[in-house]
Amino acid sequence: GNYTSPFALIIRGGCSFEDKVKRAQKAGFKAAIIYDNEYTGPLVAMAGNSAGVKIPAVFVSKASGETLKAYAGLDMELWILPGYENSAWSIMTISFISLLAMSA
């Protein structure tokens, strides 16, 4: 493909995560961002057979995907940062702070 973005932005549904990522790779994208098709419920882990997949892929919320879609095609840099509630980041931060407190 002749795309201006190195990333494919793909909505969830219709086929497996694996198929979506492999199709993005075959089309020439350097990474796949798959976003949820519903606002409710927690995000799920992407699963499937990763054999042959050579590009990074990530699954994000519907809100994040729609934000990316709204800015698609603009000449700008956009970051998605993890929320700190109920995430690995919060566990890592709490663990690090606890370690600092114990060593003080």
N, C-alpha and C. Protein backbone atom coordinates (compact mmCIF):
# COMPACT_ATOMS: atom_id res chain seq x y z
N GLY A 1 0.81 -1.19 0.00
CA GLY A 1 0.00 0.00 0.00
C GLY A 1 0.85 1.25 0.00
N ASN A 2 0.24 2.35 -0.36
CA ASN A 2 0.91 3.64 -0.36
C ASN A 2 0.22 4.53 0.67
N TYR A 3 0.56 4.34 1.93
CA TYR A 3 -0.11 5.03 3.02
C TYR A 3 0.79 6.12 3.58
N THR A 4 0.17 7.18 4.11
CA THR A 4 0.95 8.27 4.69
C THR A 4 1.31 7.98 6.14
N SER A 5 0.60 7.08 6.79
CA SER A 5 0.88 6.74 8.18
C SER A 5 1.52 5.37 8.27
N PRO A 6 2.48 5.21 9.18
CA PRO A 6 3.05 3.87 9.37
C PRO A 6 2.16 2.96 10.21
N PHE A 7 1.08 3.53 10.79
CA PHE A 7 0.22 2.77 11.68
C PHE A 7 -1.15 2.53 11.06
N ALA A 8 -1.65 1.32 11.23
CA ALA A 8 -3.02 1.01 10.83
C ALA A 8 -3.90 1.16 12.06
N LEU A 9 -4.97 1.93 11.96
CA LEU A 9 -5.94 2.09 13.04
C LEU A 9 -7.16 1.26 12.66
N ILE A 10 -7.46 0.23 13.46
CA ILE A 10 -8.45 -0.77 13.10
C ILE A 10 -9.45 -0.93 14.24
N ILE A 11 -10.74 -0.93 13.91
CA ILE A 11 -11.75 -1.17 14.94
C ILE A 11 -11.93 -2.66 15.16
N ARG A 12 -12.20 -3.03 16.40
CA ARG A 12 -12.40 -4.44 16.78
C ARG A 12 -13.68 -4.98 16.15
N GLY A 13 -13.68 -6.26 15.85
CA GLY A 13 -14.88 -6.93 15.35
C GLY A 13 -14.68 -7.45 13.94
N GLY A 14 -15.48 -8.46 13.58
CA GLY A 14 -15.46 -8.99 12.22
C GLY A 14 -14.51 -10.14 12.01
N CYS A 15 -13.36 -10.12 12.66
CA CYS A 15 -12.39 -11.21 12.57
C CYS A 15 -11.48 -11.15 13.79
N SER A 16 -10.55 -12.07 13.88
CA SER A 16 -9.69 -12.15 15.06
C SER A 16 -8.64 -11.03 15.07
N PHE A 17 -8.09 -10.78 16.26
CA PHE A 17 -6.98 -9.83 16.38
C PHE A 17 -5.84 -10.25 15.46
N GLU A 18 -5.56 -11.54 15.47
CA GLU A 18 -4.48 -12.10 14.65
C GLU A 18 -4.67 -11.74 13.17
N ASP A 19 -5.88 -11.95 12.66
CA ASP A 19 -6.15 -11.63 11.25
C ASP A 19 -5.97 -10.14 10.97
N LYS A 20 -6.44 -9.30 11.89
CA LYS A 20 -6.32 -7.85 11.70
C LYS A 20 -4.85 -7.43 11.61
N VAL A 21 -4.04 -7.95 12.53
CA VAL A 21 -2.62 -7.58 12.55
C VAL A 21 -1.91 -8.09 11.30
N LYS A 22 -2.20 -9.32 10.92
CA LYS A 22 -1.55 -9.89 9.72
C LYS A 22 -1.96 -9.14 8.45
N ARG A 23 -3.21 -8.70 8.38
CA ARG A 23 -3.66 -7.92 7.21
C ARG A 23 -2.98 -6.56 7.17
N ALA A 24 -2.82 -5.93 8.34
CA ALA A 24 -2.12 -4.64 8.40
C ALA A 24 -0.67 -4.81 7.96
N GLN A 25 -0.04 -5.87 8.43
CA GLN A 25 1.35 -6.15 8.06
C GLN A 25 1.46 -6.38 6.55
N LYS A 26 0.56 -7.18 6.00
CA LYS A 26 0.59 -7.48 4.57
C LYS A 26 0.37 -6.22 3.73
N ALA A 27 -0.40 -5.28 4.26
CA ALA A 27 -0.67 -4.02 3.54
C ALA A 27 0.51 -3.05 3.63
N GLY A 28 1.52 -3.39 4.43
CA GLY A 28 2.72 -2.56 4.50
C GLY A 28 2.82 -1.64 5.70
N PHE A 29 1.88 -1.75 6.63
CA PHE A 29 1.95 -0.91 7.83
C PHE A 29 3.05 -1.41 8.76
N LYS A 30 3.61 -0.51 9.54
CA LYS A 30 4.70 -0.83 10.47
C LYS A 30 4.18 -1.23 11.85
N ALA A 31 2.91 -0.93 12.15
CA ALA A 31 2.29 -1.28 13.43
C ALA A 31 0.78 -1.24 13.28
N ALA A 32 0.09 -1.95 14.18
CA ALA A 32 -1.37 -1.97 14.17
C ALA A 32 -1.89 -1.50 15.52
N ILE A 33 -2.84 -0.58 15.48
CA ILE A 33 -3.54 -0.13 16.68
C ILE A 33 -4.98 -0.56 16.51
N ILE A 34 -5.41 -1.50 17.33
CA ILE A 34 -6.78 -1.98 17.27
C ILE A 34 -7.53 -1.36 18.43
N TYR A 35 -8.70 -0.75 18.13
CA TYR A 35 -9.45 -0.14 19.23
C TYR A 35 -10.79 -0.83 19.41
N ASP A 36 -11.26 -0.81 20.66
CA ASP A 36 -12.48 -1.51 21.03
C ASP A 36 -13.68 -0.92 20.29
N ASN A 37 -14.66 -1.76 20.03
CA ASN A 37 -15.88 -1.31 19.35
C ASN A 37 -17.00 -1.00 20.34
N GLU A 38 -16.71 -1.07 21.63
CA GLU A 38 -17.70 -0.78 22.67
C GLU A 38 -17.06 0.07 23.76
N TYR A 39 -17.88 0.89 24.41
CA TYR A 39 -17.38 1.72 25.51
C TYR A 39 -17.38 0.97 26.84
N THR A 40 -18.15 -0.10 26.94
CA THR A 40 -18.32 -0.78 28.22
C THR A 40 -17.34 -1.93 28.38
N GLY A 41 -17.06 -2.24 29.63
CA GLY A 41 -16.24 -3.40 29.94
C GLY A 41 -14.75 -3.11 29.88
N PRO A 42 -13.99 -3.97 30.54
CA PRO A 42 -12.54 -3.80 30.54
C PRO A 42 -11.94 -4.25 29.20
N LEU A 43 -10.75 -3.76 28.91
CA LEU A 43 -10.06 -4.21 27.71
C LEU A 43 -9.61 -5.64 27.90
N VAL A 44 -9.55 -6.37 26.83
CA VAL A 44 -9.11 -7.76 26.87
C VAL A 44 -7.70 -7.87 26.29
N ALA A 45 -7.03 -8.94 26.62
CA ALA A 45 -5.71 -9.19 26.04
C ALA A 45 -5.90 -9.71 24.62
N MET A 46 -5.10 -9.21 23.69
CA MET A 46 -5.15 -9.73 22.34
C MET A 46 -4.53 -11.12 22.36
N ALA A 47 -5.17 -12.05 21.69
CA ALA A 47 -4.66 -13.42 21.67
C ALA A 47 -4.73 -13.95 20.24
N GLY A 48 -3.96 -14.98 19.99
CA GLY A 48 -3.95 -15.60 18.68
C GLY A 48 -2.58 -16.19 18.40
N ASN A 49 -2.41 -16.69 17.22
CA ASN A 49 -1.14 -17.27 16.81
C ASN A 49 -0.27 -16.15 16.25
N SER A 50 0.83 -15.86 16.92
CA SER A 50 1.68 -14.75 16.50
C SER A 50 2.73 -15.16 15.46
N ALA A 51 2.69 -16.42 15.03
CA ALA A 51 3.65 -16.88 14.02
C ALA A 51 3.52 -16.02 12.76
N GLY A 52 4.62 -15.48 12.31
CA GLY A 52 4.61 -14.66 11.10
C GLY A 52 4.34 -13.19 11.33
N VAL A 53 3.93 -12.82 12.54
CA VAL A 53 3.67 -11.41 12.84
C VAL A 53 4.99 -10.74 13.18
N LYS A 54 5.33 -9.71 12.44
CA LYS A 54 6.60 -9.02 12.65
C LYS A 54 6.43 -7.55 13.02
N ILE A 55 5.18 -7.09 13.13
CA ILE A 55 4.94 -5.70 13.49
C ILE A 55 4.34 -5.63 14.89
N PRO A 56 4.60 -4.55 15.62
CA PRO A 56 3.97 -4.40 16.94
C PRO A 56 2.48 -4.11 16.79
N ALA A 57 1.72 -4.53 17.79
CA ALA A 57 0.28 -4.28 17.79
C ALA A 57 -0.16 -3.99 19.21
N VAL A 58 -1.17 -3.15 19.34
CA VAL A 58 -1.69 -2.79 20.66
C VAL A 58 -3.21 -2.69 20.57
N PHE A 59 -3.88 -2.99 21.68
CA PHE A 59 -5.33 -2.87 21.78
C PHE A 59 -5.64 -1.74 22.74
N VAL A 60 -6.44 -0.78 22.31
CA VAL A 60 -6.77 0.39 23.13
C VAL A 60 -8.28 0.53 23.24
N SER A 61 -8.71 1.41 24.13
CA SER A 61 -10.13 1.65 24.35
C SER A 61 -10.77 2.32 23.13
N LYS A 62 -12.09 2.27 23.11
CA LYS A 62 -12.83 2.93 22.03
C LYS A 62 -12.56 4.43 22.05
N ALA A 63 -12.53 5.03 23.23
CA ALA A 63 -12.27 6.47 23.34
C ALA A 63 -10.90 6.82 22.77
N SER A 64 -9.88 6.02 23.08
CA SER A 64 -8.54 6.27 22.54
C SER A 64 -8.52 6.12 21.03
N GLY A 65 -9.18 5.07 20.53
CA GLY A 65 -9.23 4.85 19.09
C GLY A 65 -9.94 5.96 18.36
N GLU A 66 -11.03 6.44 18.92
CA GLU A 66 -11.77 7.53 18.27
C GLU A 66 -10.98 8.84 18.31
N THR A 67 -10.21 9.04 19.38
CA THR A 67 -9.34 10.22 19.44
C THR A 67 -8.28 10.14 18.35
N LEU A 68 -7.66 8.98 18.21
CA LEU A 68 -6.65 8.81 17.15
C LEU A 68 -7.29 9.01 15.78
N LYS A 69 -8.48 8.48 15.59
CA LYS A 69 -9.18 8.62 14.31
C LYS A 69 -9.46 10.09 13.99
N ALA A 70 -9.84 10.85 15.02
CA ALA A 70 -10.15 12.27 14.82
C ALA A 70 -8.92 13.06 14.37
N TYR A 71 -7.74 12.64 14.82
CA TYR A 71 -6.51 13.35 14.47
C TYR A 71 -5.76 12.72 13.30
N ALA A 72 -6.29 11.65 12.75
CA ALA A 72 -5.62 10.96 11.64
C ALA A 72 -5.44 11.92 10.46
N GLY A 73 -4.26 11.88 9.87
CA GLY A 73 -3.99 12.70 8.70
C GLY A 73 -3.42 14.07 9.02
N LEU A 74 -3.46 14.47 10.28
CA LEU A 74 -2.90 15.77 10.65
C LEU A 74 -1.41 15.62 10.93
N ASP A 75 -0.66 16.65 10.66
CA ASP A 75 0.78 16.62 10.88
C ASP A 75 1.06 17.00 12.32
N MET A 76 0.99 16.01 13.19
CA MET A 76 1.20 16.25 14.62
C MET A 76 1.61 14.96 15.30
N GLU A 77 2.06 15.07 16.52
CA GLU A 77 2.43 13.92 17.33
C GLU A 77 1.36 13.74 18.39
N LEU A 78 0.87 12.52 18.55
CA LEU A 78 -0.19 12.23 19.52
C LEU A 78 0.26 11.06 20.37
N TRP A 79 0.14 11.20 21.68
CA TRP A 79 0.55 10.15 22.60
C TRP A 79 -0.65 9.60 23.34
N ILE A 80 -0.64 8.30 23.58
CA ILE A 80 -1.64 7.67 24.45
C ILE A 80 -0.88 7.20 25.68
N LEU A 81 -1.24 7.73 26.82
CA LEU A 81 -0.58 7.36 28.07
C LEU A 81 -1.52 6.49 28.89
N PRO A 82 -0.98 5.52 29.61
CA PRO A 82 -1.84 4.64 30.40
C PRO A 82 -2.44 5.38 31.59
N GLY A 83 -3.66 4.99 31.96
CA GLY A 83 -4.24 5.48 33.20
C GLY A 83 -3.53 4.81 34.35
N TYR A 84 -3.50 5.45 35.48
CA TYR A 84 -2.76 4.88 36.60
C TYR A 84 -3.62 4.03 37.52
N GLU A 85 -4.92 4.09 37.39
CA GLU A 85 -5.77 3.26 38.22
C GLU A 85 -5.85 1.86 37.62
N ASN A 86 -5.71 0.86 38.45
CA ASN A 86 -5.86 -0.54 38.04
C ASN A 86 -4.98 -0.90 36.85
N SER A 87 -3.75 -0.47 36.87
CA SER A 87 -2.87 -0.79 35.76
C SER A 87 -1.52 -1.27 36.27
N ALA A 88 -0.76 -1.84 35.38
CA ALA A 88 0.59 -2.28 35.74
C ALA A 88 1.44 -1.09 36.17
N TRP A 89 1.18 0.08 35.58
CA TRP A 89 1.93 1.29 35.95
C TRP A 89 1.71 1.63 37.42
N SER A 90 0.46 1.53 37.89
CA SER A 90 0.19 1.87 39.28
C SER A 90 0.85 0.87 40.21
N ILE A 91 0.84 -0.40 39.85
CA ILE A 91 1.48 -1.42 40.68
C ILE A 91 2.99 -1.18 40.72
N MET A 92 3.57 -0.87 39.57
CA MET A 92 5.00 -0.62 39.52
C MET A 92 5.36 0.63 40.33
N THR A 93 4.54 1.68 40.22
CA THR A 93 4.80 2.92 40.95
C THR A 93 4.70 2.69 42.45
N ILE A 94 3.65 2.00 42.88
CA ILE A 94 3.48 1.71 44.31
C ILE A 94 4.63 0.85 44.82
N SER A 95 5.03 -0.14 44.04
CA SER A 95 6.15 -1.01 44.44
C SER A 95 7.44 -0.20 44.57
N PHE A 96 7.68 0.70 43.63
CA PHE A 96 8.89 1.52 43.66
C PHE A 96 8.89 2.46 44.86
N ILE A 97 7.75 3.09 45.13
CA ILE A 97 7.64 3.99 46.28
C ILE A 97 7.83 3.21 47.58
N SER A 98 7.25 2.02 47.66
CA SER A 98 7.42 1.18 48.85
C SER A 98 8.88 0.81 49.05
N LEU A 99 9.56 0.47 47.97
CA LEU A 99 10.98 0.12 48.04
C LEU A 99 11.80 1.31 48.54
N LEU A 100 11.50 2.49 48.02
CA LEU A 100 12.20 3.69 48.47
C LEU A 100 11.95 3.95 49.96
N ALA A 101 10.71 3.77 50.39
CA ALA A 101 10.37 4.01 51.79
C ALA A 101 11.09 3.03 52.71
N MET A 102 11.19 1.78 52.29
CA MET A 102 11.86 0.77 53.12
C MET A 102 13.36 0.99 53.18
N SER A 103 13.94 1.54 52.12
CA SER A 103 15.39 1.73 52.10
C SER A 103 15.81 3.04 52.77
N ALA A 104 14.86 3.90 53.08
CA ALA A 104 15.19 5.20 53.70
C ALA A 104 15.50 5.06 55.17
